[in-house]
Amino acid sequence: MFGKGSKLYSIFKSKCPQCHEGDFFKYRISINPKKITKLHDNCPNCNLKYMMEPSFFFGAMYINYGIAVALFVAIFIIAKLFFGLSILQSFIAIIIVSFLLTPFSLRLSRIIWINLFVKYNKIK
């Protein structure tokens, strides 16, 4: 399920969706906001062009929206049920956690988006 050749492998390892060898992002996770979503132009291994068309990753905004909504709901439920926080405190918790997880969410949405369009192709 998480082995090479599966979409989940490419998503969680941030590897090229076509060969699962080359890195998708130029940098591992970074504190610098300019480096968070920097991609290679092409896969270092199979030469797949990541930006398939101009503004290709605009569609990743929809994936990011879904991730954010799921995260907000989960944080709200955890804050209310397990910690007994008030509504205002729950919303403050949502804001803090979402601010901290934004870099991961942005990266995750981009890698999910490209995996929707590119199939694994084992290169010999």
N, C-alpha and C. Protein backbone atom coordinates (compact mmCIF):
# COMPACT_ATOMS: atom_id res chain seq x y z
N MET A 1 0.83 -1.20 0.00
CA MET A 1 0.00 0.00 0.00
C MET A 1 0.87 1.26 0.00
N PHE A 2 1.95 1.22 0.78
CA PHE A 2 2.85 2.37 0.82
C PHE A 2 4.13 2.10 0.05
N GLY A 3 4.16 0.99 -0.69
CA GLY A 3 5.36 0.63 -1.43
C GLY A 3 5.52 1.45 -2.69
N LYS A 4 6.71 1.36 -3.24
CA LYS A 4 7.01 2.06 -4.48
C LYS A 4 6.04 1.60 -5.57
N GLY A 5 5.53 2.54 -6.29
CA GLY A 5 4.53 2.24 -7.32
C GLY A 5 3.14 2.67 -6.92
N SER A 6 2.94 3.03 -5.67
CA SER A 6 1.62 3.48 -5.22
C SER A 6 1.60 5.01 -5.13
N LYS A 7 0.43 5.57 -5.25
CA LYS A 7 0.28 7.02 -5.14
C LYS A 7 0.67 7.50 -3.74
N LEU A 8 0.35 6.70 -2.73
CA LEU A 8 0.66 7.10 -1.36
C LEU A 8 2.17 7.21 -1.14
N TYR A 9 2.93 6.35 -1.78
CA TYR A 9 4.39 6.43 -1.67
C TYR A 9 4.88 7.77 -2.20
N SER A 10 4.40 8.14 -3.38
CA SER A 10 4.81 9.41 -3.98
C SER A 10 4.38 10.59 -3.13
N ILE A 11 3.17 10.52 -2.57
CA ILE A 11 2.65 11.64 -1.79
C ILE A 11 3.42 11.80 -0.48
N PHE A 12 3.57 10.73 0.27
CA PHE A 12 4.18 10.86 1.60
C PHE A 12 5.70 10.96 1.57
N LYS A 13 6.33 10.51 0.51
CA LYS A 13 7.79 10.64 0.38
C LYS A 13 8.17 11.87 -0.44
N SER A 14 7.18 12.58 -0.99
CA SER A 14 7.40 13.75 -1.86
C SER A 14 8.33 13.42 -3.01
N LYS A 15 7.99 12.35 -3.72
CA LYS A 15 8.78 11.90 -4.86
C LYS A 15 8.02 12.17 -6.15
N CYS A 16 8.73 12.12 -7.24
CA CYS A 16 8.14 12.30 -8.56
C CYS A 16 7.02 11.28 -8.76
N PRO A 17 5.86 11.71 -9.24
CA PRO A 17 4.75 10.76 -9.39
C PRO A 17 4.95 9.76 -10.52
N GLN A 18 5.88 10.03 -11.43
CA GLN A 18 6.08 9.12 -12.56
C GLN A 18 7.12 8.04 -12.26
N CYS A 19 8.25 8.40 -11.66
CA CYS A 19 9.31 7.42 -11.44
C CYS A 19 9.50 7.04 -9.97
N HIS A 20 8.99 7.84 -9.05
CA HIS A 20 9.12 7.64 -7.60
C HIS A 20 10.57 7.64 -7.14
N GLU A 21 11.44 8.25 -7.91
CA GLU A 21 12.85 8.34 -7.56
C GLU A 21 13.27 9.77 -7.23
N GLY A 22 13.00 10.69 -8.15
CA GLY A 22 13.43 12.08 -7.99
C GLY A 22 12.60 12.82 -6.97
N ASP A 23 13.23 13.78 -6.32
CA ASP A 23 12.52 14.61 -5.35
C ASP A 23 11.60 15.58 -6.08
N PHE A 24 10.43 15.82 -5.51
CA PHE A 24 9.45 16.72 -6.10
C PHE A 24 9.78 18.17 -5.73
N PHE A 25 10.10 18.41 -4.47
CA PHE A 25 10.41 19.75 -3.99
C PHE A 25 11.92 19.97 -3.97
N LYS A 26 12.34 21.20 -4.17
CA LYS A 26 13.77 21.52 -4.15
C LYS A 26 14.34 21.40 -2.75
N TYR A 27 13.56 21.78 -1.76
CA TYR A 27 14.04 21.81 -0.38
C TYR A 27 13.17 20.90 0.47
N ARG A 28 13.77 20.30 1.47
CA ARG A 28 12.95 19.61 2.46
C ARG A 28 12.10 20.71 3.10
N ILE A 29 11.53 20.50 4.22
CA ILE A 29 10.72 21.56 4.83
C ILE A 29 11.63 22.70 5.29
N SER A 30 11.19 23.92 5.09
CA SER A 30 12.01 25.09 5.39
C SER A 30 11.18 26.12 6.14
N ILE A 31 11.85 26.91 6.92
CA ILE A 31 11.18 28.01 7.63
C ILE A 31 11.01 29.20 6.69
N ASN A 32 11.87 29.32 5.71
CA ASN A 32 11.81 30.42 4.76
C ASN A 32 10.56 30.27 3.88
N PRO A 33 9.63 31.22 3.93
CA PRO A 33 8.38 31.11 3.16
C PRO A 33 8.59 31.02 1.65
N LYS A 34 9.70 31.55 1.15
CA LYS A 34 9.95 31.51 -0.29
C LYS A 34 10.39 30.12 -0.75
N LYS A 35 10.84 29.29 0.17
CA LYS A 35 11.35 27.96 -0.19
C LYS A 35 10.33 26.85 0.04
N ILE A 36 9.23 27.14 0.68
CA ILE A 36 8.28 26.09 1.09
C ILE A 36 7.74 25.32 -0.11
N THR A 37 7.31 26.01 -1.14
CA THR A 37 6.68 25.32 -2.28
C THR A 37 7.54 25.33 -3.54
N LYS A 38 8.83 25.57 -3.42
CA LYS A 38 9.70 25.57 -4.60
C LYS A 38 9.85 24.16 -5.14
N LEU A 39 9.56 24.00 -6.41
CA LEU A 39 9.66 22.72 -7.09
C LEU A 39 10.86 22.71 -8.02
N HIS A 40 11.32 21.51 -8.34
CA HIS A 40 12.25 21.38 -9.45
C HIS A 40 11.44 21.65 -10.73
N ASP A 41 12.08 22.15 -11.77
CA ASP A 41 11.38 22.34 -13.04
C ASP A 41 11.02 20.99 -13.65
N ASN A 42 11.97 20.07 -13.61
CA ASN A 42 11.78 18.72 -14.13
C ASN A 42 12.28 17.74 -13.08
N CYS A 43 11.81 16.51 -13.17
CA CYS A 43 12.29 15.46 -12.27
C CYS A 43 13.77 15.23 -12.53
N PRO A 44 14.60 15.19 -11.49
CA PRO A 44 16.03 14.94 -11.69
C PRO A 44 16.31 13.54 -12.26
N ASN A 45 15.38 12.62 -12.11
CA ASN A 45 15.60 11.24 -12.55
C ASN A 45 15.00 10.95 -13.94
N CYS A 46 13.70 11.21 -14.12
CA CYS A 46 13.02 10.83 -15.38
C CYS A 46 12.72 12.02 -16.29
N ASN A 47 13.04 13.23 -15.84
CA ASN A 47 12.86 14.46 -16.61
C ASN A 47 11.40 14.82 -16.86
N LEU A 48 10.47 14.35 -16.02
CA LEU A 48 9.07 14.75 -16.13
C LEU A 48 8.95 16.24 -15.82
N LYS A 49 8.27 16.97 -16.67
CA LYS A 49 8.06 18.40 -16.45
C LYS A 49 6.94 18.55 -15.42
N TYR A 50 7.25 19.15 -14.28
CA TYR A 50 6.26 19.27 -13.20
C TYR A 50 5.20 20.31 -13.51
N MET A 51 5.58 21.44 -14.09
CA MET A 51 4.61 22.47 -14.44
C MET A 51 4.11 22.16 -15.85
N MET A 52 3.12 21.28 -15.93
CA MET A 52 2.66 20.76 -17.21
C MET A 52 2.08 21.84 -18.12
N GLU A 53 1.48 22.82 -17.53
CA GLU A 53 0.92 23.94 -18.27
C GLU A 53 0.97 25.15 -17.37
N PRO A 54 0.87 26.35 -17.93
CA PRO A 54 0.89 27.54 -17.06
C PRO A 54 -0.21 27.46 -16.00
N SER A 55 0.13 27.81 -14.82
CA SER A 55 -0.81 27.83 -13.69
C SER A 55 -1.38 26.46 -13.37
N PHE A 56 -0.62 25.41 -13.61
CA PHE A 56 -1.09 24.04 -13.36
C PHE A 56 -1.49 23.84 -11.91
N PHE A 57 -0.74 24.39 -10.98
CA PHE A 57 -0.99 24.13 -9.58
C PHE A 57 -2.07 25.01 -8.96
N PHE A 58 -2.76 25.82 -9.75
CA PHE A 58 -3.92 26.54 -9.21
C PHE A 58 -4.98 25.56 -8.74
N GLY A 59 -5.09 24.43 -9.37
CA GLY A 59 -6.05 23.41 -8.96
C GLY A 59 -5.75 22.84 -7.59
N ALA A 60 -4.48 22.96 -7.17
CA ALA A 60 -4.10 22.47 -5.84
C ALA A 60 -4.77 23.29 -4.74
N MET A 61 -5.27 24.47 -5.08
CA MET A 61 -5.98 25.28 -4.08
C MET A 61 -7.23 24.56 -3.60
N TYR A 62 -7.89 23.83 -4.49
CA TYR A 62 -9.09 23.09 -4.10
C TYR A 62 -8.74 21.95 -3.15
N ILE A 63 -7.63 21.29 -3.42
CA ILE A 63 -7.17 20.23 -2.52
C ILE A 63 -6.81 20.84 -1.17
N ASN A 64 -6.12 21.97 -1.19
CA ASN A 64 -5.73 22.64 0.05
C ASN A 64 -6.95 23.08 0.85
N TYR A 65 -7.99 23.53 0.16
CA TYR A 65 -9.22 23.93 0.83
C TYR A 65 -9.83 22.73 1.57
N GLY A 66 -9.89 21.59 0.90
CA GLY A 66 -10.43 20.39 1.53
C GLY A 66 -9.61 19.95 2.73
N ILE A 67 -8.29 20.02 2.61
CA ILE A 67 -7.41 19.66 3.74
C ILE A 67 -7.65 20.62 4.89
N ALA A 68 -7.75 21.91 4.59
CA ALA A 68 -7.94 22.91 5.65
C ALA A 68 -9.28 22.72 6.36
N VAL A 69 -10.34 22.48 5.62
CA VAL A 69 -11.65 22.28 6.25
C VAL A 69 -11.64 21.04 7.14
N ALA A 70 -11.06 19.95 6.65
CA ALA A 70 -10.97 18.73 7.45
C ALA A 70 -10.15 18.98 8.72
N LEU A 71 -9.06 19.72 8.59
CA LEU A 71 -8.22 20.05 9.73
C LEU A 71 -8.97 20.92 10.74
N PHE A 72 -9.69 21.93 10.25
CA PHE A 72 -10.44 22.82 11.14
C PHE A 72 -11.51 22.06 11.92
N VAL A 73 -12.23 21.20 11.24
CA VAL A 73 -13.27 20.42 11.90
C VAL A 73 -12.66 19.49 12.95
N ALA A 74 -11.57 18.83 12.58
CA ALA A 74 -10.91 17.92 13.53
C ALA A 74 -10.40 18.66 14.76
N ILE A 75 -9.78 19.80 14.56
CA ILE A 75 -9.26 20.58 15.70
C ILE A 75 -10.41 21.06 16.57
N PHE A 76 -11.48 21.51 15.97
CA PHE A 76 -12.62 21.99 16.74
C PHE A 76 -13.21 20.86 17.60
N ILE A 77 -13.39 19.69 17.00
CA ILE A 77 -13.95 18.56 17.75
C ILE A 77 -13.02 18.14 18.88
N ILE A 78 -11.74 18.07 18.61
CA ILE A 78 -10.77 17.69 19.65
C ILE A 78 -10.76 18.73 20.76
N ALA A 79 -10.77 20.00 20.39
CA ALA A 79 -10.74 21.07 21.40
C ALA A 79 -11.99 21.05 22.27
N LYS A 80 -13.16 20.83 21.65
CA LYS A 80 -14.41 20.85 22.42
C LYS A 80 -14.60 19.58 23.25
N LEU A 81 -14.41 18.42 22.63
CA LEU A 81 -14.72 17.16 23.32
C LEU A 81 -13.65 16.71 24.29
N PHE A 82 -12.40 16.79 23.88
CA PHE A 82 -11.33 16.25 24.72
C PHE A 82 -10.75 17.25 25.70
N PHE A 83 -10.71 18.52 25.32
CA PHE A 83 -10.12 19.53 26.20
C PHE A 83 -11.16 20.43 26.85
N GLY A 84 -12.41 20.38 26.41
CA GLY A 84 -13.48 21.18 27.00
C GLY A 84 -13.30 22.67 26.83
N LEU A 85 -12.69 23.09 25.74
CA LEU A 85 -12.47 24.52 25.52
C LEU A 85 -13.77 25.20 25.08
N SER A 86 -13.84 26.50 25.32
CA SER A 86 -14.99 27.27 24.86
C SER A 86 -14.88 27.45 23.35
N ILE A 87 -15.92 28.03 22.76
CA ILE A 87 -15.93 28.23 21.31
C ILE A 87 -14.80 29.19 20.91
N LEU A 88 -14.62 30.27 21.66
CA LEU A 88 -13.57 31.22 21.34
C LEU A 88 -12.19 30.57 21.46
N GLN A 89 -11.98 29.81 22.51
CA GLN A 89 -10.70 29.12 22.69
C GLN A 89 -10.48 28.09 21.58
N SER A 90 -11.55 27.44 21.15
CA SER A 90 -11.44 26.47 20.05
C SER A 90 -11.02 27.16 18.76
N PHE A 91 -11.60 28.31 18.47
CA PHE A 91 -11.23 29.03 17.27
C PHE A 91 -9.79 29.56 17.34
N ILE A 92 -9.36 29.95 18.51
CA ILE A 92 -7.96 30.36 18.68
C ILE A 92 -7.04 29.18 18.43
N ALA A 93 -7.42 28.01 18.92
CA ALA A 93 -6.63 26.80 18.67
C ALA A 93 -6.58 26.48 17.18
N ILE A 94 -7.70 26.64 16.49
CA ILE A 94 -7.75 26.41 15.04
C ILE A 94 -6.79 27.35 14.32
N ILE A 95 -6.81 28.62 14.69
CA ILE A 95 -5.94 29.60 14.04
C ILE A 95 -4.47 29.28 14.27
N ILE A 96 -4.12 28.93 15.49
CA ILE A 96 -2.72 28.63 15.81
C ILE A 96 -2.24 27.38 15.07
N VAL A 97 -3.03 26.31 15.14
CA VAL A 97 -2.62 25.06 14.49
C VAL A 97 -2.59 25.22 12.97
N SER A 98 -3.56 25.92 12.41
CA SER A 98 -3.56 26.09 10.96
C SER A 98 -2.37 26.94 10.51
N PHE A 99 -1.99 27.92 11.29
CA PHE A 99 -0.81 28.73 10.96
C PHE A 99 0.45 27.87 10.98
N LEU A 100 0.54 26.98 11.96
CA LEU A 100 1.72 26.12 12.07
C LEU A 100 1.77 25.05 10.97
N LEU A 101 0.62 24.57 10.53
CA LEU A 101 0.58 23.49 9.55
C LEU A 101 0.42 23.96 8.10
N THR A 102 0.36 25.25 7.87
CA THR A 102 0.19 25.76 6.51
C THR A 102 1.29 25.29 5.55
N PRO A 103 2.58 25.31 5.93
CA PRO A 103 3.59 24.82 4.99
C PRO A 103 3.37 23.36 4.59
N PHE A 104 3.00 22.52 5.53
CA PHE A 104 2.75 21.12 5.22
C PHE A 104 1.53 20.96 4.33
N SER A 105 0.51 21.75 4.59
CA SER A 105 -0.72 21.70 3.82
C SER A 105 -0.48 22.13 2.37
N LEU A 106 0.29 23.17 2.17
CA LEU A 106 0.60 23.65 0.83
C LEU A 106 1.37 22.60 0.04
N ARG A 107 2.35 22.01 0.67
CA ARG A 107 3.16 20.98 0.00
C ARG A 107 2.32 19.74 -0.29
N LEU A 108 1.53 19.33 0.66
CA LEU A 108 0.70 18.14 0.49
C LEU A 108 -0.31 18.34 -0.64
N SER A 109 -0.91 19.51 -0.72
CA SER A 109 -1.91 19.74 -1.77
C SER A 109 -1.27 19.72 -3.16
N ARG A 110 -0.06 20.23 -3.29
CA ARG A 110 0.61 20.21 -4.60
C ARG A 110 0.96 18.79 -5.03
N ILE A 111 1.47 18.00 -4.13
CA ILE A 111 1.87 16.65 -4.50
C ILE A 111 0.64 15.78 -4.77
N ILE A 112 -0.44 15.99 -4.04
CA ILE A 112 -1.68 15.26 -4.32
C ILE A 112 -2.22 15.65 -5.70
N TRP A 113 -2.19 16.95 -6.01
CA TRP A 113 -2.73 17.44 -7.28
C TRP A 113 -2.00 16.82 -8.47
N ILE A 114 -0.68 16.80 -8.44
CA ILE A 114 0.04 16.25 -9.59
C ILE A 114 -0.14 14.74 -9.67
N ASN A 115 -0.34 14.07 -8.53
CA ASN A 115 -0.56 12.63 -8.55
C ASN A 115 -1.91 12.26 -9.14
N LEU A 116 -2.83 13.20 -9.20
CA LEU A 116 -4.11 12.93 -9.85
C LEU A 116 -3.97 12.81 -11.36
N PHE A 117 -2.92 13.40 -11.92
CA PHE A 117 -2.77 13.47 -13.37
C PHE A 117 -1.64 12.62 -13.94
N VAL A 118 -0.71 12.21 -13.12
CA VAL A 118 0.46 11.48 -13.61
C VAL A 118 0.46 10.07 -13.03
N LYS A 119 0.64 9.08 -13.88
CA LYS A 119 0.68 7.69 -13.45
C LYS A 119 2.13 7.26 -13.23
N TYR A 120 2.29 6.26 -12.38
CA TYR A 120 3.59 5.66 -12.14
C TYR A 120 4.02 4.89 -13.37
N ASN A 121 5.25 5.10 -13.79
CA ASN A 121 5.81 4.41 -14.93
C ASN A 121 7.19 3.90 -14.54
N LYS A 122 7.30 2.63 -14.30
CA LYS A 122 8.56 2.06 -13.86
C LYS A 122 9.60 2.16 -14.97
N ILE A 123 10.67 2.87 -14.67
CA ILE A 123 11.76 3.06 -15.63
C ILE A 123 12.85 2.03 -15.30
N LYS A 124 13.32 1.34 -16.31
CA LYS A 124 14.34 0.31 -16.09
C LYS A 124 15.72 0.87 -16.06
